[in-house]
Amino acid sequence: MPTPAKAFTVLNHPSLDNSGRGTSPTTASSSAAGLVESAELLRGNKTVGILHNGSLYRLQATKLGKLILTK
């Protein structure tokens, strides 16, 4: 029987503490899992454009610290 692929669990991620602060420290294991801090994407802006498969998306940070991705 093949071994099941390892799943990435986000339910236990420290940034999901409902504080909206996203206080998770960046670690070597998180970069290996393909995690990117939202601050790296936004670079101090409220919105950033993301080009994906020829379509433009907008990632927006809300006043409550949530993220909205729209096409």
N, C-alpha and C. Protein backbone atom coordinates (compact mmCIF):
# COMPACT_ATOMS: atom_id res chain seq x y z
N MET A 1 0.85 -1.18 0.00
CA MET A 1 0.00 0.00 0.00
C MET A 1 0.89 1.24 0.00
N PRO A 2 0.66 2.22 -0.90
CA PRO A 2 1.51 3.41 -0.94
C PRO A 2 1.31 4.28 0.29
N THR A 3 2.38 4.94 0.67
CA THR A 3 2.33 5.84 1.81
C THR A 3 1.60 7.12 1.40
N PRO A 4 0.61 7.59 2.19
CA PRO A 4 -0.10 8.81 1.82
C PRO A 4 0.83 10.03 1.87
N ALA A 5 0.56 10.98 0.99
CA ALA A 5 1.36 12.20 0.95
C ALA A 5 1.16 12.99 2.24
N LYS A 6 2.20 13.65 2.68
CA LYS A 6 2.11 14.47 3.88
C LYS A 6 1.24 15.68 3.59
N ALA A 7 0.29 15.94 4.45
CA ALA A 7 -0.59 17.09 4.29
C ALA A 7 -0.07 18.23 5.15
N PHE A 8 -0.23 19.43 4.66
CA PHE A 8 0.17 20.62 5.41
C PHE A 8 -1.02 21.07 6.25
N THR A 9 -0.86 21.08 7.56
CA THR A 9 -1.95 21.45 8.46
C THR A 9 -1.86 22.91 8.82
N VAL A 10 -2.92 23.67 8.53
CA VAL A 10 -2.94 25.08 8.90
C VAL A 10 -3.83 25.34 10.11
N LEU A 11 -4.59 24.35 10.52
CA LEU A 11 -5.50 24.55 11.64
C LEU A 11 -4.77 24.83 12.95
N ASN A 12 -3.51 24.38 13.06
CA ASN A 12 -2.74 24.61 14.27
C ASN A 12 -1.72 25.73 14.10
N HIS A 13 -1.82 26.48 13.02
CA HIS A 13 -0.86 27.55 12.75
C HIS A 13 -1.03 28.67 13.77
N PRO A 14 0.06 29.17 14.36
CA PRO A 14 -0.03 30.21 15.39
C PRO A 14 -0.72 31.48 14.93
N SER A 15 -0.74 31.78 13.64
CA SER A 15 -1.38 33.02 13.19
C SER A 15 -2.90 32.91 13.23
N LEU A 16 -3.43 31.71 13.49
CA LEU A 16 -4.87 31.53 13.55
C LEU A 16 -5.38 31.66 14.98
N ASP A 17 -4.82 32.58 15.74
CA ASP A 17 -5.22 32.77 17.12
C ASP A 17 -6.35 33.80 17.25
N ASN A 18 -6.95 34.19 16.11
CA ASN A 18 -8.06 35.14 16.04
C ASN A 18 -7.69 36.54 16.51
N SER A 19 -6.41 36.82 16.65
CA SER A 19 -6.00 38.17 17.04
C SER A 19 -5.89 39.08 15.83
N GLY A 20 -5.75 38.49 14.63
CA GLY A 20 -5.59 39.28 13.42
C GLY A 20 -4.18 39.81 13.24
N ARG A 21 -3.30 39.48 14.17
CA ARG A 21 -1.93 40.01 14.09
C ARG A 21 -1.01 39.12 13.28
N GLY A 22 -1.35 37.86 13.09
CA GLY A 22 -0.49 36.97 12.33
C GLY A 22 0.91 36.90 12.91
N THR A 23 1.02 36.53 14.16
CA THR A 23 2.29 36.62 14.89
C THR A 23 3.18 35.40 14.71
N SER A 24 2.94 34.60 13.70
CA SER A 24 3.74 33.40 13.50
C SER A 24 5.18 33.75 13.13
N PRO A 25 6.16 33.18 13.83
CA PRO A 25 7.54 33.43 13.45
C PRO A 25 7.88 32.68 12.17
N THR A 26 8.72 33.26 11.34
CA THR A 26 9.15 32.60 10.11
C THR A 26 10.27 31.63 10.46
N THR A 27 10.10 30.38 10.05
CA THR A 27 11.10 29.36 10.34
C THR A 27 11.54 28.70 9.05
N ALA A 28 12.62 27.95 9.13
CA ALA A 28 13.11 27.24 7.95
C ALA A 28 12.08 26.25 7.45
N SER A 29 11.35 25.61 8.35
CA SER A 29 10.34 24.64 7.92
C SER A 29 9.18 25.32 7.22
N SER A 30 8.82 26.56 7.63
CA SER A 30 7.71 27.23 6.98
C SER A 30 8.08 27.65 5.56
N SER A 31 9.32 28.03 5.32
CA SER A 31 9.70 28.39 3.96
C SER A 31 9.78 27.15 3.09
N ALA A 32 10.11 26.01 3.69
CA ALA A 32 10.14 24.76 2.94
C ALA A 32 8.73 24.35 2.54
N ALA A 33 7.73 24.75 3.33
CA ALA A 33 6.34 24.40 3.04
C ALA A 33 5.71 25.38 2.06
N GLY A 34 6.45 26.40 1.62
CA GLY A 34 5.92 27.36 0.67
C GLY A 34 5.14 28.48 1.31
N LEU A 35 5.40 28.79 2.57
CA LEU A 35 4.70 29.88 3.25
C LEU A 35 5.37 31.21 2.96
N VAL A 36 4.56 32.24 2.78
CA VAL A 36 5.05 33.60 2.58
C VAL A 36 4.28 34.50 3.53
N GLU A 37 4.97 35.32 4.29
CA GLU A 37 4.30 36.27 5.17
C GLU A 37 3.56 37.30 4.33
N SER A 38 2.37 37.67 4.74
CA SER A 38 1.58 38.64 4.00
C SER A 38 2.30 39.98 3.89
N ALA A 39 3.07 40.34 4.91
CA ALA A 39 3.82 41.61 4.87
C ALA A 39 4.82 41.63 3.72
N GLU A 40 5.37 40.45 3.37
CA GLU A 40 6.30 40.37 2.25
C GLU A 40 5.58 40.64 0.93
N LEU A 41 4.35 40.18 0.81
CA LEU A 41 3.58 40.40 -0.41
C LEU A 41 3.08 41.85 -0.50
N LEU A 42 2.57 42.37 0.61
CA LEU A 42 1.96 43.70 0.59
C LEU A 42 2.99 44.83 0.64
N ARG A 43 4.14 44.59 1.25
CA ARG A 43 5.21 45.60 1.34
C ARG A 43 4.71 46.97 1.80
N GLY A 44 3.87 46.97 2.85
CA GLY A 44 3.39 48.22 3.42
C GLY A 44 2.17 48.80 2.73
N ASN A 45 1.71 48.20 1.65
CA ASN A 45 0.52 48.67 0.94
C ASN A 45 -0.71 47.92 1.44
N LYS A 46 -1.89 48.46 1.16
CA LYS A 46 -3.14 47.79 1.52
C LYS A 46 -3.54 46.76 0.47
N THR A 47 -3.14 46.97 -0.80
CA THR A 47 -3.49 46.05 -1.87
C THR A 47 -2.27 45.75 -2.72
N VAL A 48 -2.30 44.59 -3.37
CA VAL A 48 -1.24 44.22 -4.29
C VAL A 48 -1.89 43.40 -5.41
N GLY A 49 -1.42 43.60 -6.63
CA GLY A 49 -1.91 42.83 -7.76
C GLY A 49 -1.10 41.56 -7.92
N ILE A 50 -1.79 40.47 -8.26
CA ILE A 50 -1.14 39.18 -8.47
C ILE A 50 -1.56 38.66 -9.83
N LEU A 51 -0.60 38.42 -10.70
CA LEU A 51 -0.89 37.87 -12.01
C LEU A 51 -0.79 36.35 -11.91
N HIS A 52 -1.88 35.65 -12.22
CA HIS A 52 -1.92 34.19 -12.11
C HIS A 52 -2.60 33.62 -13.35
N ASN A 53 -1.87 32.81 -14.10
CA ASN A 53 -2.40 32.18 -15.31
C ASN A 53 -3.06 33.18 -16.25
N GLY A 54 -2.45 34.34 -16.40
CA GLY A 54 -2.96 35.34 -17.33
C GLY A 54 -4.08 36.21 -16.78
N SER A 55 -4.53 35.96 -15.56
CA SER A 55 -5.59 36.75 -14.94
C SER A 55 -5.00 37.59 -13.81
N LEU A 56 -5.55 38.78 -13.64
CA LEU A 56 -5.10 39.67 -12.58
C LEU A 56 -6.01 39.53 -11.37
N TYR A 57 -5.41 39.27 -10.22
CA TYR A 57 -6.12 39.17 -8.95
C TYR A 57 -5.65 40.31 -8.05
N ARG A 58 -6.48 40.66 -7.06
CA ARG A 58 -6.11 41.69 -6.11
C ARG A 58 -6.16 41.10 -4.70
N LEU A 59 -5.05 41.20 -3.98
CA LEU A 59 -4.98 40.79 -2.59
C LEU A 59 -5.06 42.05 -1.74
N GLN A 60 -6.05 42.08 -0.85
CA GLN A 60 -6.31 43.29 -0.06
C GLN A 60 -6.34 42.96 1.42
N ALA A 61 -5.68 43.79 2.22
CA ALA A 61 -5.73 43.65 3.68
C ALA A 61 -6.84 44.55 4.21
N THR A 62 -7.67 44.00 5.10
CA THR A 62 -8.77 44.77 5.67
C THR A 62 -8.31 45.48 6.95
N LYS A 63 -9.16 46.35 7.46
CA LYS A 63 -8.86 47.06 8.70
C LYS A 63 -8.75 46.11 9.88
N LEU A 64 -9.45 44.96 9.80
CA LEU A 64 -9.42 43.99 10.88
C LEU A 64 -8.29 42.97 10.75
N GLY A 65 -7.40 43.18 9.75
CA GLY A 65 -6.26 42.31 9.59
C GLY A 65 -6.53 41.04 8.81
N LYS A 66 -7.65 40.98 8.11
CA LYS A 66 -7.99 39.83 7.28
C LYS A 66 -7.52 40.09 5.85
N LEU A 67 -7.46 39.04 5.04
CA LEU A 67 -7.06 39.17 3.64
C LEU A 67 -8.23 38.79 2.74
N ILE A 68 -8.39 39.56 1.64
CA ILE A 68 -9.41 39.28 0.64
C ILE A 68 -8.72 39.16 -0.70
N LEU A 69 -8.99 38.06 -1.41
CA LEU A 69 -8.45 37.85 -2.76
C LEU A 69 -9.60 37.91 -3.73
N THR A 70 -9.54 38.86 -4.69
CA THR A 70 -10.60 39.00 -5.67
C THR A 70 -10.00 38.97 -7.07
N LYS A 71 -10.83 38.55 -8.02
CA LYS A 71 -10.42 38.49 -9.42
C LYS A 71 -10.90 39.73 -10.12
